[in-house]
Amino acid sequence: MDTMASSQQQRSTKQSNAENLVDRFLDAIWTERGLSANTLGAYRADLMTLWRGLSAQDIRIENAEKSDLLAFIARRVESGAKPRSTARQLSSFRRFFRYIMREGLRDTDPTADIEMPRIGRSLPKTLTEDEVDALLHAPSPDEPLGHRDRTMLELLYATGLRVSELINLRQSQVNFNQGVLRIVGKGDRERLIPLGDEAQRWLREFIDGPRMEILLERQTDYLFPTRRGDRMTRQAFWHIIKRYAQKAGISKKLSPHSLRHAFATHLLNRGADLRVVQLLLGHSDLSTTQIYTHVARERLKELHGRHHPRG
């Protein structure tokens, strides 16, 4: 019994040490790059998964060698891990080991010569303009929550916001005089996004009535509260989109960012400049935005094939 208790205590101490090291790394990269809580959470999950795999081999995470990491990756692939998931994990490991080298905890980077798995860049699933229209009309604006949901969907499609930006939106970020939203996105980069007349109309109506009905006597700075007066979660909003998609008869497999993808694709389809779309989406790299040109091109091919007599 004493031996078992001692063994459990040693494992607990090792885990605590590993978690402290990982948390120091996360604090460092958050300070340097201002990454979102979701990104930091993904890094932590990847590194603690690695720690568990290595500790089973009695290897400290900061002492792992290239062969240890390759063996870990191989075990994950054998258990069904997809190339995209493996690539994301390897990216997390690289950042971590570069950090502990900077901290003087080791002299070499075990990830330096490990190649990233090759993954095809998947095109985002997007909606047609008719499907967007059906989705926007799915909520019932006669009810306070239905009006809130319609306003959120209208705002997403009008601005291309990330879901995390939408649910964290505060009233102070809306400027009706200038007709813009002030958004602080990834890496603490600020951008101003124009609000169309339709989105402004829904926002004004929501703030002047249904929002107060939802809150009753409660107070919150968040623009789109729940019945409890809290900020809506990403998961809750995802359930809202799925419910309204089903009601609108949309059978496509959607994601929480489907309206963001539709915003970008429809702008490009109608002749918007790629760099303007980049600024509106808050992409730091133009190559991230360029994937939408592929979506637009595929749509044009489809229309050509369907309607041209020799398509």
C-alpha atoms as a PDB file:
ATOM      1  CA  MET A   1       0.000   0.000   0.000  1.00  0.00           C
ATOM      2  CA  ASP A   2       2.810   2.407   0.911  1.00  0.00           C
ATOM      3  CA  THR A   3       4.570   1.626  -2.379  1.00  0.00           C
ATOM      4  CA  MET A   4       1.371   2.286  -4.345  1.00  0.00           C
ATOM      5  CA  ALA A   5       0.742   5.577  -2.516  1.00  0.00           C
ATOM      6  CA  SER A   6       4.335   6.637  -3.111  1.00  0.00           C
ATOM      7  CA  SER A   7       4.052   5.818  -6.809  1.00  0.00           C
ATOM      8  CA  GLN A   8       0.827   7.839  -7.121  1.00  0.00           C
ATOM      9  CA  GLN A   9       2.428  10.766  -5.318  1.00  0.00           C
ATOM     10  CA  GLN A  10       5.439  10.688  -7.652  1.00  0.00           C
ATOM     11  CA  ARG A  11       3.163  10.666 -10.694  1.00  0.00           C
ATOM     12  CA  SER A  12       1.150  13.561  -9.265  1.00  0.00           C
ATOM     13  CA  THR A  13       4.363  15.544  -8.698  1.00  0.00           C
ATOM     14  CA  LYS A  14       5.573  14.851 -12.251  1.00  0.00           C
ATOM     15  CA  GLN A  15       2.225  15.954 -13.665  1.00  0.00           C
ATOM     16  CA  SER A  16       2.314  19.123 -11.576  1.00  0.00           C
ATOM     17  CA  ASN A  17       5.836  19.905 -12.808  1.00  0.00           C
ATOM     18  CA  ALA A  18       4.822  19.302 -16.425  1.00  0.00           C
ATOM     19  CA  GLU A  19       1.699  21.450 -16.057  1.00  0.00           C
ATOM     20  CA  ASN A  20       3.730  24.274 -14.524  1.00  0.00           C
ATOM     21  CA  LEU A  21       6.169  24.178 -17.442  1.00  0.00           C
ATOM     22  CA  VAL A  22       3.328  24.105 -20.005  1.00  0.00           C
ATOM     23  CA  ASP A  23       1.536  26.973 -18.250  1.00  0.00           C
ATOM     24  CA  ARG A  24       4.719  29.069 -18.269  1.00  0.00           C
ATOM     25  CA  PHE A  25       4.998  28.426 -22.014  1.00  0.00           C
ATOM     26  CA  LEU A  26       1.357  29.460 -22.552  1.00  0.00           C
ATOM     27  CA  ASP A  27       1.842  32.637 -20.535  1.00  0.00           C
ATOM     28  CA  ALA A  28       4.892  33.474 -22.656  1.00  0.00           C
ATOM     29  CA  ILE A  29       3.209  33.017 -26.041  1.00  0.00           C
ATOM     30  CA  TRP A  30       0.066  34.813 -24.858  1.00  0.00           C
ATOM     31  CA  THR A  31       2.227  37.797 -23.875  1.00  0.00           C
ATOM     32  CA  GLU A  32       4.130  37.688 -27.175  1.00  0.00           C
ATOM     33  CA  ARG A  33       1.267  37.113 -29.600  1.00  0.00           C
ATOM     34  CA  GLY A  34      -1.992  37.765 -27.741  1.00  0.00           C
ATOM     35  CA  LEU A  35      -3.491  34.420 -28.782  1.00  0.00           C
ATOM     36  CA  SER A  36      -7.124  33.607 -28.067  1.00  0.00           C
ATOM     37  CA  ALA A  37      -8.239  31.446 -25.141  1.00  0.00           C
ATOM     38  CA  ASN A  38      -9.344  28.763 -27.630  1.00  0.00           C
ATOM     39  CA  THR A  39      -5.875  28.611 -29.242  1.00  0.00           C
ATOM     40  CA  LEU A  40      -4.130  28.491 -25.863  1.00  0.00           C
ATOM     41  CA  GLY A  41      -6.503  25.736 -24.744  1.00  0.00           C
ATOM     42  CA  ALA A  42      -5.649  23.703 -27.870  1.00  0.00           C
ATOM     43  CA  TYR A  43      -1.910  24.098 -27.182  1.00  0.00           C
ATOM     44  CA  ARG A  44      -2.383  22.966 -23.593  1.00  0.00           C
ATOM     45  CA  ALA A  45      -4.451  19.939 -24.602  1.00  0.00           C
ATOM     46  CA  ASP A  46      -1.846  18.888 -27.206  1.00  0.00           C
ATOM     47  CA  LEU A  47       1.056  19.205 -24.770  1.00  0.00           C
ATOM     48  CA  MET A  48      -0.665  17.393 -21.905  1.00  0.00           C
ATOM     49  CA  THR A  49      -1.562  14.584 -24.324  1.00  0.00           C
ATOM     50  CA  LEU A  50       2.134  14.408 -25.216  1.00  0.00           C
ATOM     51  CA  TRP A  51       3.079  14.425 -21.525  1.00  0.00           C
ATOM     52  CA  ARG A  52       0.757  11.485 -20.811  1.00  0.00           C
ATOM     53  CA  GLY A  53       2.189   9.529 -23.742  1.00  0.00           C
ATOM     54  CA  LEU A  54       5.779  10.203 -22.683  1.00  0.00           C
ATOM     55  CA  SER A  55       5.228   9.626 -18.969  1.00  0.00           C
ATOM     56  CA  ALA A  56       3.988   6.127 -19.781  1.00  0.00           C
ATOM     57  CA  GLN A  57       7.524   5.582 -21.127  1.00  0.00           C
ATOM     58  CA  ASP A  58       8.986   7.341 -18.035  1.00  0.00           C
ATOM     59  CA  ILE A  59      10.238  10.259 -20.180  1.00  0.00           C
ATOM     60  CA  ARG A  60      10.017  13.871 -18.986  1.00  0.00           C
ATOM     61  CA  ILE A  61       8.411  16.108 -21.603  1.00  0.00           C
ATOM     62  CA  GLU A  62      11.331  18.577 -21.625  1.00  0.00           C
ATOM     63  CA  ASN A  63      13.782  15.704 -22.221  1.00  0.00           C
ATOM     64  CA  ALA A  64      11.969  14.130 -25.189  1.00  0.00           C
ATOM     65  CA  GLU A  65      14.073  13.274 -28.231  1.00  0.00           C
ATOM     66  CA  LYS A  66      13.113  13.098 -31.888  1.00  0.00           C
ATOM     67  CA  SER A  67      12.666   9.302 -31.661  1.00  0.00           C
ATOM     68  CA  ASP A  68      10.293   9.719 -28.686  1.00  0.00           C
ATOM     69  CA  LEU A  69       8.144  12.195 -30.599  1.00  0.00           C
ATOM     70  CA  LEU A  70       8.082  10.047 -33.740  1.00  0.00           C
ATOM     71  CA  ALA A  71       7.019   7.038 -31.661  1.00  0.00           C
ATOM     72  CA  PHE A  72       4.268   9.117 -30.019  1.00  0.00           C
ATOM     73  CA  ILE A  73       3.026  10.371 -33.409  1.00  0.00           C
ATOM     74  CA  ALA A  74       3.125   6.842 -34.839  1.00  0.00           C
ATOM     75  CA  ARG A  75       0.983   5.536 -31.962  1.00  0.00           C
ATOM     76  CA  ARG A  76      -1.522   8.352 -32.535  1.00  0.00           C
ATOM     77  CA  VAL A  77      -1.704   7.623 -36.283  1.00  0.00           C
ATOM     78  CA  GLU A  78      -2.211   3.897 -35.605  1.00  0.00           C
ATOM     79  CA  SER A  79      -5.104   4.759 -33.307  1.00  0.00           C
ATOM     80  CA  GLY A  80      -6.775   6.750 -36.108  1.00  0.00           C
ATOM     81  CA  ALA A  81      -5.440  10.327 -35.801  1.00  0.00           C
ATOM     82  CA  LYS A  82      -5.984  12.320 -39.010  1.00  0.00           C
ATOM     83  CA  PRO A  83      -3.119  14.183 -40.785  1.00  0.00           C
ATOM     84  CA  ARG A  84      -4.640  17.574 -39.933  1.00  0.00           C
ATOM     85  CA  SER A  85      -4.796  16.702 -36.232  1.00  0.00           C
ATOM     86  CA  THR A  86      -1.211  15.400 -36.325  1.00  0.00           C
ATOM     87  CA  ALA A  87      -0.008  18.568 -38.056  1.00  0.00           C
ATOM     88  CA  ARG A  88      -1.679  20.749 -35.439  1.00  0.00           C
ATOM     89  CA  GLN A  89      -0.091  18.767 -32.605  1.00  0.00           C
ATOM     90  CA  LEU A  90       3.340  18.920 -34.198  1.00  0.00           C
ATOM     91  CA  SER A  91       2.981  22.681 -34.561  1.00  0.00           C
ATOM     92  CA  SER A  92       2.207  22.901 -30.823  1.00  0.00           C
ATOM     93  CA  PHE A  93       5.249  20.760 -29.985  1.00  0.00           C
ATOM     94  CA  ARG A  94       7.532  22.935 -32.126  1.00  0.00           C
ATOM     95  CA  ARG A  95       6.521  26.102 -30.370  1.00  0.00           C
ATOM     96  CA  PHE A  96       6.926  24.457 -26.981  1.00  0.00           C
ATOM     97  CA  PHE A  97      10.420  23.110 -27.619  1.00  0.00           C
ATOM     98  CA  ARG A  98      11.583  26.422 -29.098  1.00  0.00           C
ATOM     99  CA  TYR A  99      10.369  28.074 -25.902  1.00  0.00           C
ATOM    100  CA  ILE A 100      12.212  25.720 -23.565  1.00  0.00           C
ATOM    101  CA  MET A 101      15.381  26.162 -25.647  1.00  0.00           C
ATOM    102  CA  ARG A 102      15.063  29.921 -25.143  1.00  0.00           C
ATOM    103  CA  GLU A 103      14.645  29.266 -21.433  1.00  0.00           C
ATOM    104  CA  GLY A 104      17.897  27.291 -21.414  1.00  0.00           C
ATOM    105  CA  LEU A 105      16.238  24.001 -20.469  1.00  0.00           C
ATOM    106  CA  ARG A 106      17.802  22.184 -23.430  1.00  0.00           C
ATOM    107  CA  ASP A 107      20.197  22.829 -26.335  1.00  0.00           C
ATOM    108  CA  THR A 108      18.453  21.100 -29.237  1.00  0.00           C
ATOM    109  CA  ASP A 109      15.004  21.102 -30.820  1.00  0.00           C
ATOM    110  CA  PRO A 110      13.744  17.505 -31.254  1.00  0.00           C
ATOM    111  CA  THR A 111      11.080  18.675 -33.727  1.00  0.00           C
ATOM    112  CA  ALA A 112      13.542  20.421 -36.080  1.00  0.00           C
ATOM    113  CA  ASP A 113      13.846  17.549 -38.570  1.00  0.00           C
ATOM    114  CA  ILE A 114      10.327  16.141 -38.287  1.00  0.00           C
ATOM    115  CA  GLU A 115       8.346  16.823 -41.471  1.00  0.00           C
ATOM    116  CA  MET A 116       4.783  18.038 -41.304  1.00  0.00           C
ATOM    117  CA  PRO A 117       2.262  15.540 -42.681  1.00  0.00           C
ATOM    118  CA  ARG A 118       0.931  16.589 -46.070  1.00  0.00           C
ATOM    119  CA  ILE A 119      -2.663  17.684 -45.925  1.00  0.00           C
ATOM    120  CA  GLY A 120      -4.833  19.065 -48.646  1.00  0.00           C
ATOM    121  CA  ARG A 121      -6.326  22.436 -47.840  1.00  0.00           C
ATOM    122  CA  SER A 122     -10.056  21.837 -47.600  1.00  0.00           C
ATOM    123  CA  LEU A 123     -12.383  24.418 -49.045  1.00  0.00           C
ATOM    124  CA  PRO A 124     -14.760  25.952 -46.485  1.00  0.00           C
ATOM    125  CA  LYS A 125     -18.370  24.851 -46.742  1.00  0.00           C
ATOM    126  CA  THR A 126     -20.406  27.827 -47.873  1.00  0.00           C
ATOM    127  CA  LEU A 127     -24.041  28.671 -48.494  1.00  0.00           C
ATOM    128  CA  THR A 128     -25.712  30.031 -51.615  1.00  0.00           C
ATOM    129  CA  GLU A 129     -27.387  33.431 -51.398  1.00  0.00           C
ATOM    130  CA  ASP A 130     -30.807  31.724 -51.394  1.00  0.00           C
ATOM    131  CA  GLU A 131     -29.744  29.433 -48.543  1.00  0.00           C
ATOM    132  CA  VAL A 132     -28.488  32.410 -46.529  1.00  0.00           C
ATOM    133  CA  ASP A 133     -31.806  34.159 -47.100  1.00  0.00           C
ATOM    134  CA  ALA A 134     -33.704  31.084 -45.887  1.00  0.00           C
ATOM    135  CA  LEU A 135     -31.460  30.815 -42.806  1.00  0.00           C
ATOM    136  CA  LEU A 136     -31.911  34.498 -41.931  1.00  0.00           C
ATOM    137  CA  HIS A 137     -35.696  34.146 -42.132  1.00  0.00           C
ATOM    138  CA  ALA A 138     -35.821  31.007 -39.962  1.00  0.00           C
ATOM    139  CA  PRO A 139     -35.966  32.731 -36.512  1.00  0.00           C
ATOM    140  CA  SER A 140     -39.261  34.262 -35.395  1.00  0.00           C
ATOM    141  CA  PRO A 141     -38.600  37.972 -34.713  1.00  0.00           C
ATOM    142  CA  ASP A 142     -41.937  38.298 -32.872  1.00  0.00           C
ATOM    143  CA  GLU A 143     -40.303  36.658 -29.836  1.00  0.00           C
ATOM    144  CA  PRO A 144     -37.420  38.373 -27.955  1.00  0.00           C
ATOM    145  CA  LEU A 145     -35.035  35.411 -28.351  1.00  0.00           C
ATOM    146  CA  GLY A 146     -36.045  34.930 -31.974  1.00  0.00           C
ATOM    147  CA  HIS A 147     -35.377  38.627 -32.624  1.00  0.00           C
ATOM    148  CA  ARG A 148     -31.974  38.268 -30.942  1.00  0.00           C
ATOM    149  CA  ASP A 149     -31.113  35.241 -33.069  1.00  0.00           C
ATOM    150  CA  ARG A 150     -32.234  36.959 -36.307  1.00  0.00           C
ATOM    151  CA  THR A 151     -30.098  39.987 -35.412  1.00  0.00           C
ATOM    152  CA  MET A 152     -27.065  37.811 -34.684  1.00  0.00           C
ATOM    153  CA  LEU A 153     -27.417  35.991 -38.005  1.00  0.00           C
ATOM    154  CA  GLU A 154     -27.949  39.255 -39.891  1.00  0.00           C
ATOM    155  CA  LEU A 155     -24.853  40.727 -38.247  1.00  0.00           C
ATOM    156  CA  LEU A 156     -22.710  37.671 -38.999  1.00  0.00           C
ATOM    157  CA  TYR A 157     -23.610  37.708 -42.671  1.00  0.00           C
ATOM    158  CA  ALA A 158     -23.268  41.498 -42.935  1.00  0.00           C
ATOM    159  CA  THR A 159     -19.829  41.664 -41.314  1.00  0.00           C
ATOM    160  CA  GLY A 160     -18.096  38.256 -41.578  1.00  0.00           C
ATOM    161  CA  LEU A 161     -17.307  38.254 -37.850  1.00  0.00           C
ATOM    162  CA  ARG A 162     -15.823  35.201 -36.186  1.00  0.00           C
ATOM    163  CA  VAL A 163     -18.329  33.545 -33.828  1.00  0.00           C
ATOM    164  CA  SER A 164     -16.051  34.321 -30.873  1.00  0.00           C
ATOM    165  CA  GLU A 165     -16.095  38.013 -31.898  1.00  0.00           C
ATOM    166  CA  LEU A 166     -19.884  37.996 -32.204  1.00  0.00           C
ATOM    167  CA  ILE A 167     -20.657  36.494 -28.796  1.00  0.00           C
ATOM    168  CA  ASN A 168     -18.120  38.793 -27.097  1.00  0.00           C
ATOM    169  CA  LEU A 169     -19.494  41.901 -28.806  1.00  0.00           C
ATOM    170  CA  ARG A 170     -20.351  44.784 -26.461  1.00  0.00           C
ATOM    171  CA  GLN A 171     -22.659  47.722 -27.105  1.00  0.00           C
ATOM    172  CA  SER A 172     -19.733  50.138 -26.908  1.00  0.00           C
ATOM    173  CA  GLN A 173     -18.253  48.522 -30.043  1.00  0.00           C
ATOM    174  CA  VAL A 174     -21.238  49.564 -32.176  1.00  0.00           C
ATOM    175  CA  ASN A 175     -21.006  53.044 -33.691  1.00  0.00           C
ATOM    176  CA  PHE A 176     -24.302  53.915 -35.376  1.00  0.00           C
ATOM    177  CA  ASN A 177     -23.133  57.438 -36.223  1.00  0.00           C
ATOM    178  CA  GLN A 178     -20.316  56.105 -38.407  1.00  0.00           C
ATOM    179  CA  GLY A 179     -22.108  52.865 -39.287  1.00  0.00           C
ATOM    180  CA  VAL A 180     -19.239  50.606 -38.178  1.00  0.00           C
ATOM    181  CA  LEU A 181     -18.288  47.921 -35.672  1.00  0.00           C
ATOM    182  CA  ARG A 182     -14.951  48.201 -33.852  1.00  0.00           C
ATOM    183  CA  ILE A 183     -13.531  44.703 -33.487  1.00  0.00           C
ATOM    184  CA  VAL A 184     -10.398  43.584 -31.655  1.00  0.00           C
ATOM    185  CA  GLY A 185      -9.558  40.229 -33.214  1.00  0.00           C
ATOM    186  CA  LYS A 186      -6.733  37.715 -33.109  1.00  0.00           C
ATOM    187  CA  GLY A 187      -3.403  39.074 -31.920  1.00  0.00           C
ATOM    188  CA  ASP A 188      -5.215  42.146 -30.501  1.00  0.00           C
ATOM    189  CA  ARG A 189      -5.489  43.584 -34.021  1.00  0.00           C
ATOM    190  CA  GLU A 190      -8.244  46.186 -34.294  1.00  0.00           C
ATOM    191  CA  ARG A 191     -10.382  46.609 -37.393  1.00  0.00           C
ATOM    192  CA  LEU A 192     -13.432  48.670 -38.341  1.00  0.00           C
ATOM    193  CA  ILE A 193     -16.185  46.851 -40.235  1.00  0.00           C
ATOM    194  CA  PRO A 194     -18.953  48.715 -42.105  1.00  0.00           C
ATOM    195  CA  LEU A 195     -22.519  47.931 -41.062  1.00  0.00           C
ATOM    196  CA  GLY A 196     -25.089  47.777 -43.851  1.00  0.00           C
ATOM    197  CA  ASP A 197     -28.490  49.453 -43.499  1.00  0.00           C
ATOM    198  CA  GLU A 198     -30.276  46.137 -42.928  1.00  0.00           C
ATOM    199  CA  ALA A 199     -27.911  45.042 -40.139  1.00  0.00           C
ATOM    200  CA  GLN A 200     -28.187  48.493 -38.511  1.00  0.00           C
ATOM    201  CA  ARG A 201     -31.986  48.316 -38.625  1.00  0.00           C
ATOM    202  CA  TRP A 202     -32.076  44.922 -36.897  1.00  0.00           C
ATOM    203  CA  LEU A 203     -29.519  46.039 -34.310  1.00  0.00           C
ATOM    204  CA  ARG A 204     -31.406  49.241 -33.435  1.00  0.00           C
ATOM    205  CA  GLU A 205     -34.714  47.388 -33.097  1.00  0.00           C
ATOM    206  CA  PHE A 206     -33.109  44.689 -30.948  1.00  0.00           C
ATOM    207  CA  ILE A 207     -31.360  47.131 -28.589  1.00  0.00           C
ATOM    208  CA  ASP A 208     -34.479  49.303 -28.204  1.00  0.00           C
ATOM    209  CA  GLY A 209     -36.821  46.463 -27.268  1.00  0.00           C
ATOM    210  CA  PRO A 210     -36.175  42.687 -27.292  1.00  0.00           C
ATOM    211  CA  ARG A 211     -32.778  43.022 -25.563  1.00  0.00           C
ATOM    212  CA  MET A 212     -34.404  44.712 -22.561  1.00  0.00           C
ATOM    213  CA  GLU A 213     -37.154  42.064 -22.500  1.00  0.00           C
ATOM    214  CA  ILE A 214     -34.502  39.311 -22.373  1.00  0.00           C
ATOM    215  CA  LEU A 215     -32.537  41.006 -19.574  1.00  0.00           C
ATOM    216  CA  LEU A 216     -35.504  42.320 -17.528  1.00  0.00           C
ATOM    217  CA  GLU A 217     -33.788  43.957 -14.529  1.00  0.00           C
ATOM    218  CA  ARG A 218     -30.365  42.387 -15.151  1.00  0.00           C
ATOM    219  CA  GLN A 219     -27.406  44.356 -16.485  1.00  0.00           C
ATOM    220  CA  THR A 220     -24.659  43.267 -18.874  1.00  0.00           C
ATOM    221  CA  ASP A 221     -22.338  44.942 -21.368  1.00  0.00           C
ATOM    222  CA  TYR A 222     -22.617  42.014 -23.794  1.00  0.00           C
ATOM    223  CA  LEU A 223     -24.753  42.910 -26.797  1.00  0.00           C
ATOM    224  CA  PHE A 224     -26.403  39.478 -27.181  1.00  0.00           C
ATOM    225  CA  PRO A 225     -27.238  38.103 -23.704  1.00  0.00           C
ATOM    226  CA  THR A 226     -28.964  34.878 -22.732  1.00  0.00           C
ATOM    227  CA  ARG A 227     -32.083  34.719 -20.529  1.00  0.00           C
ATOM    228  CA  ARG A 228     -29.746  34.466 -17.509  1.00  0.00           C
ATOM    229  CA  GLY A 229     -28.045  37.719 -18.469  1.00  0.00           C
ATOM    230  CA  ASP A 230     -24.828  35.888 -19.360  1.00  0.00           C
ATOM    231  CA  ARG A 231     -22.668  35.968 -22.460  1.00  0.00           C
ATOM    232  CA  MET A 232     -23.701  33.312 -24.951  1.00  0.00           C
ATOM    233  CA  THR A 233     -21.232  30.443 -25.447  1.00  0.00           C
ATOM    234  CA  ARG A 234     -19.875  29.257 -28.788  1.00  0.00           C
ATOM    235  CA  GLN A 235     -21.581  25.891 -28.242  1.00  0.00           C
ATOM    236  CA  ALA A 236     -24.961  27.531 -27.616  1.00  0.00           C
ATOM    237  CA  PHE A 237     -24.682  29.622 -30.770  1.00  0.00           C
ATOM    238  CA  TRP A 238     -23.655  26.538 -32.768  1.00  0.00           C
ATOM    239  CA  HIS A 239     -26.856  24.798 -31.595  1.00  0.00           C
ATOM    240  CA  ILE A 240     -28.832  27.871 -32.690  1.00  0.00           C
ATOM    241  CA  ILE A 241     -27.368  27.732 -36.212  1.00  0.00           C
ATOM    242  CA  LYS A 242     -28.042  23.999 -36.527  1.00  0.00           C
ATOM    243  CA  ARG A 243     -31.637  24.418 -35.353  1.00  0.00           C
ATOM    244  CA  TYR A 244     -32.391  27.220 -37.810  1.00  0.00           C
ATOM    245  CA  ALA A 245     -30.595  25.448 -40.665  1.00  0.00           C
ATOM    246  CA  GLN A 246     -32.861  22.444 -40.111  1.00  0.00           C
ATOM    247  CA  LYS A 247     -35.910  24.726 -40.013  1.00  0.00           C
ATOM    248  CA  ALA A 248     -34.766  26.420 -43.250  1.00  0.00           C
ATOM    249  CA  GLY A 249     -34.415  23.038 -44.971  1.00  0.00           C
ATOM    250  CA  ILE A 250     -30.641  23.335 -45.418  1.00  0.00           C
ATOM    251  CA  SER A 251     -29.164  19.844 -45.610  1.00  0.00           C
ATOM    252  CA  LYS A 252     -25.516  20.878 -46.019  1.00  0.00           C
ATOM    253  CA  LYS A 253     -23.162  20.145 -43.165  1.00  0.00           C
ATOM    254  CA  LEU A 254     -22.556  23.584 -41.656  1.00  0.00           C
ATOM    255  CA  SER A 255     -19.992  24.963 -39.237  1.00  0.00           C
ATOM    256  CA  PRO A 256     -20.259  27.899 -36.801  1.00  0.00           C
ATOM    257  CA  HIS A 257     -18.356  29.940 -39.421  1.00  0.00           C
ATOM    258  CA  SER A 258     -20.616  29.118 -42.363  1.00  0.00           C
ATOM    259  CA  LEU A 259     -22.011  32.662 -42.525  1.00  0.00           C
ATOM    260  CA  ARG A 260     -18.473  34.098 -42.312  1.00  0.00           C
ATOM    261  CA  HIS A 261     -17.515  31.911 -45.280  1.00  0.00           C
ATOM    262  CA  ALA A 262     -20.657  32.995 -47.136  1.00  0.00           C
ATOM    263  CA  PHE A 263     -19.860  36.663 -46.424  1.00  0.00           C
ATOM    264  CA  ALA A 264     -16.397  36.340 -47.998  1.00  0.00           C
ATOM    265  CA  THR A 265     -17.444  34.154 -50.930  1.00  0.00           C
ATOM    266  CA  HIS A 266     -20.441  36.288 -51.906  1.00  0.00           C
ATOM    267  CA  LEU A 267     -18.357  39.476 -51.782  1.00  0.00           C
ATOM    268  CA  LEU A 268     -15.792  37.930 -54.135  1.00  0.00           C
ATOM    269  CA  ASN A 269     -18.516  36.533 -56.397  1.00  0.00           C
ATOM    270  CA  ARG A 270     -19.806  40.094 -56.797  1.00  0.00           C
ATOM    271  CA  GLY A 271     -16.401  41.557 -57.618  1.00  0.00           C
ATOM    272  CA  ALA A 272     -14.949  42.666 -54.274  1.00  0.00           C
ATOM    273  CA  ASP A 273     -11.165  43.126 -54.100  1.00  0.00           C
ATOM    274  CA  LEU A 274      -9.364  40.289 -52.293  1.00  0.00           C
ATOM    275  CA  ARG A 275      -7.384  42.678 -50.076  1.00  0.00           C
ATOM    276  CA  VAL A 276     -10.568  44.430 -48.965  1.00  0.00           C
ATOM    277  CA  VAL A 277     -12.047  41.065 -47.978  1.00  0.00           C
ATOM    278  CA  GLN A 278      -8.793  40.290 -46.129  1.00  0.00           C
ATOM    279  CA  LEU A 279      -9.142  43.485 -44.070  1.00  0.00           C
ATOM    280  CA  LEU A 280     -12.814  42.832 -43.318  1.00  0.00           C
ATOM    281  CA  LEU A 281     -12.122  39.263 -42.169  1.00  0.00           C
ATOM    282  CA  GLY A 282      -9.127  40.316 -40.066  1.00  0.00           C
ATOM    283  CA  HIS A 283      -6.695  37.917 -41.759  1.00  0.00           C
ATOM    284  CA  SER A 284      -3.046  38.827 -41.144  1.00  0.00           C
ATOM    285  CA  ASP A 285      -1.927  36.892 -44.246  1.00  0.00           C
ATOM    286  CA  LEU A 286      -3.486  37.297 -47.698  1.00  0.00           C
ATOM    287  CA  SER A 287      -2.907  33.585 -48.409  1.00  0.00           C
ATOM    288  CA  THR A 288      -5.539  32.762 -45.764  1.00  0.00           C
ATOM    289  CA  THR A 289      -8.108  34.833 -47.643  1.00  0.00           C
ATOM    290  CA  GLN A 290      -7.136  33.413 -51.049  1.00  0.00           C
ATOM    291  CA  ILE A 291      -8.876  30.126 -50.287  1.00  0.00           C
ATOM    292  CA  TYR A 292     -12.157  31.967 -50.910  1.00  0.00           C
ATOM    293  CA  THR A 293     -11.127  32.685 -54.488  1.00  0.00           C
ATOM    294  CA  HIS A 294     -11.079  28.899 -54.998  1.00  0.00           C
ATOM    295  CA  VAL A 295     -14.606  28.659 -53.598  1.00  0.00           C
ATOM    296  CA  ALA A 296     -15.781  31.448 -55.915  1.00  0.00           C
ATOM    297  CA  ARG A 297     -14.036  29.801 -58.882  1.00  0.00           C
ATOM    298  CA  GLU A 298     -15.681  26.444 -58.175  1.00  0.00           C
ATOM    299  CA  ARG A 299     -19.061  28.172 -58.015  1.00  0.00           C
ATOM    300  CA  LEU A 300     -18.460  29.859 -61.390  1.00  0.00           C
ATOM    301  CA  LYS A 301     -17.470  26.513 -62.926  1.00  0.00           C
ATOM    302  CA  GLU A 302     -20.625  24.935 -61.569  1.00  0.00           C
ATOM    303  CA  LEU A 303     -22.817  27.721 -62.989  1.00  0.00           C
ATOM    304  CA  HIS A 304     -21.026  27.563 -66.342  1.00  0.00           C
ATOM    305  CA  GLY A 305     -21.456  23.804 -66.562  1.00  0.00           C
ATOM    306  CA  ARG A 306     -25.136  24.031 -65.645  1.00  0.00           C
ATOM    307  CA  HIS A 307     -26.189  26.909 -67.896  1.00  0.00           C
ATOM    308  CA  HIS A 308     -23.813  27.085 -70.865  1.00  0.00           C
ATOM    309  CA  PRO A 309     -25.044  25.100 -73.914  1.00  0.00           C
ATOM    310  CA  ARG A 310     -21.606  23.506 -74.266  1.00  0.00           C
ATOM    311  CA  GLY A 311     -20.802  23.371 -70.581  1.00  0.00           C
END
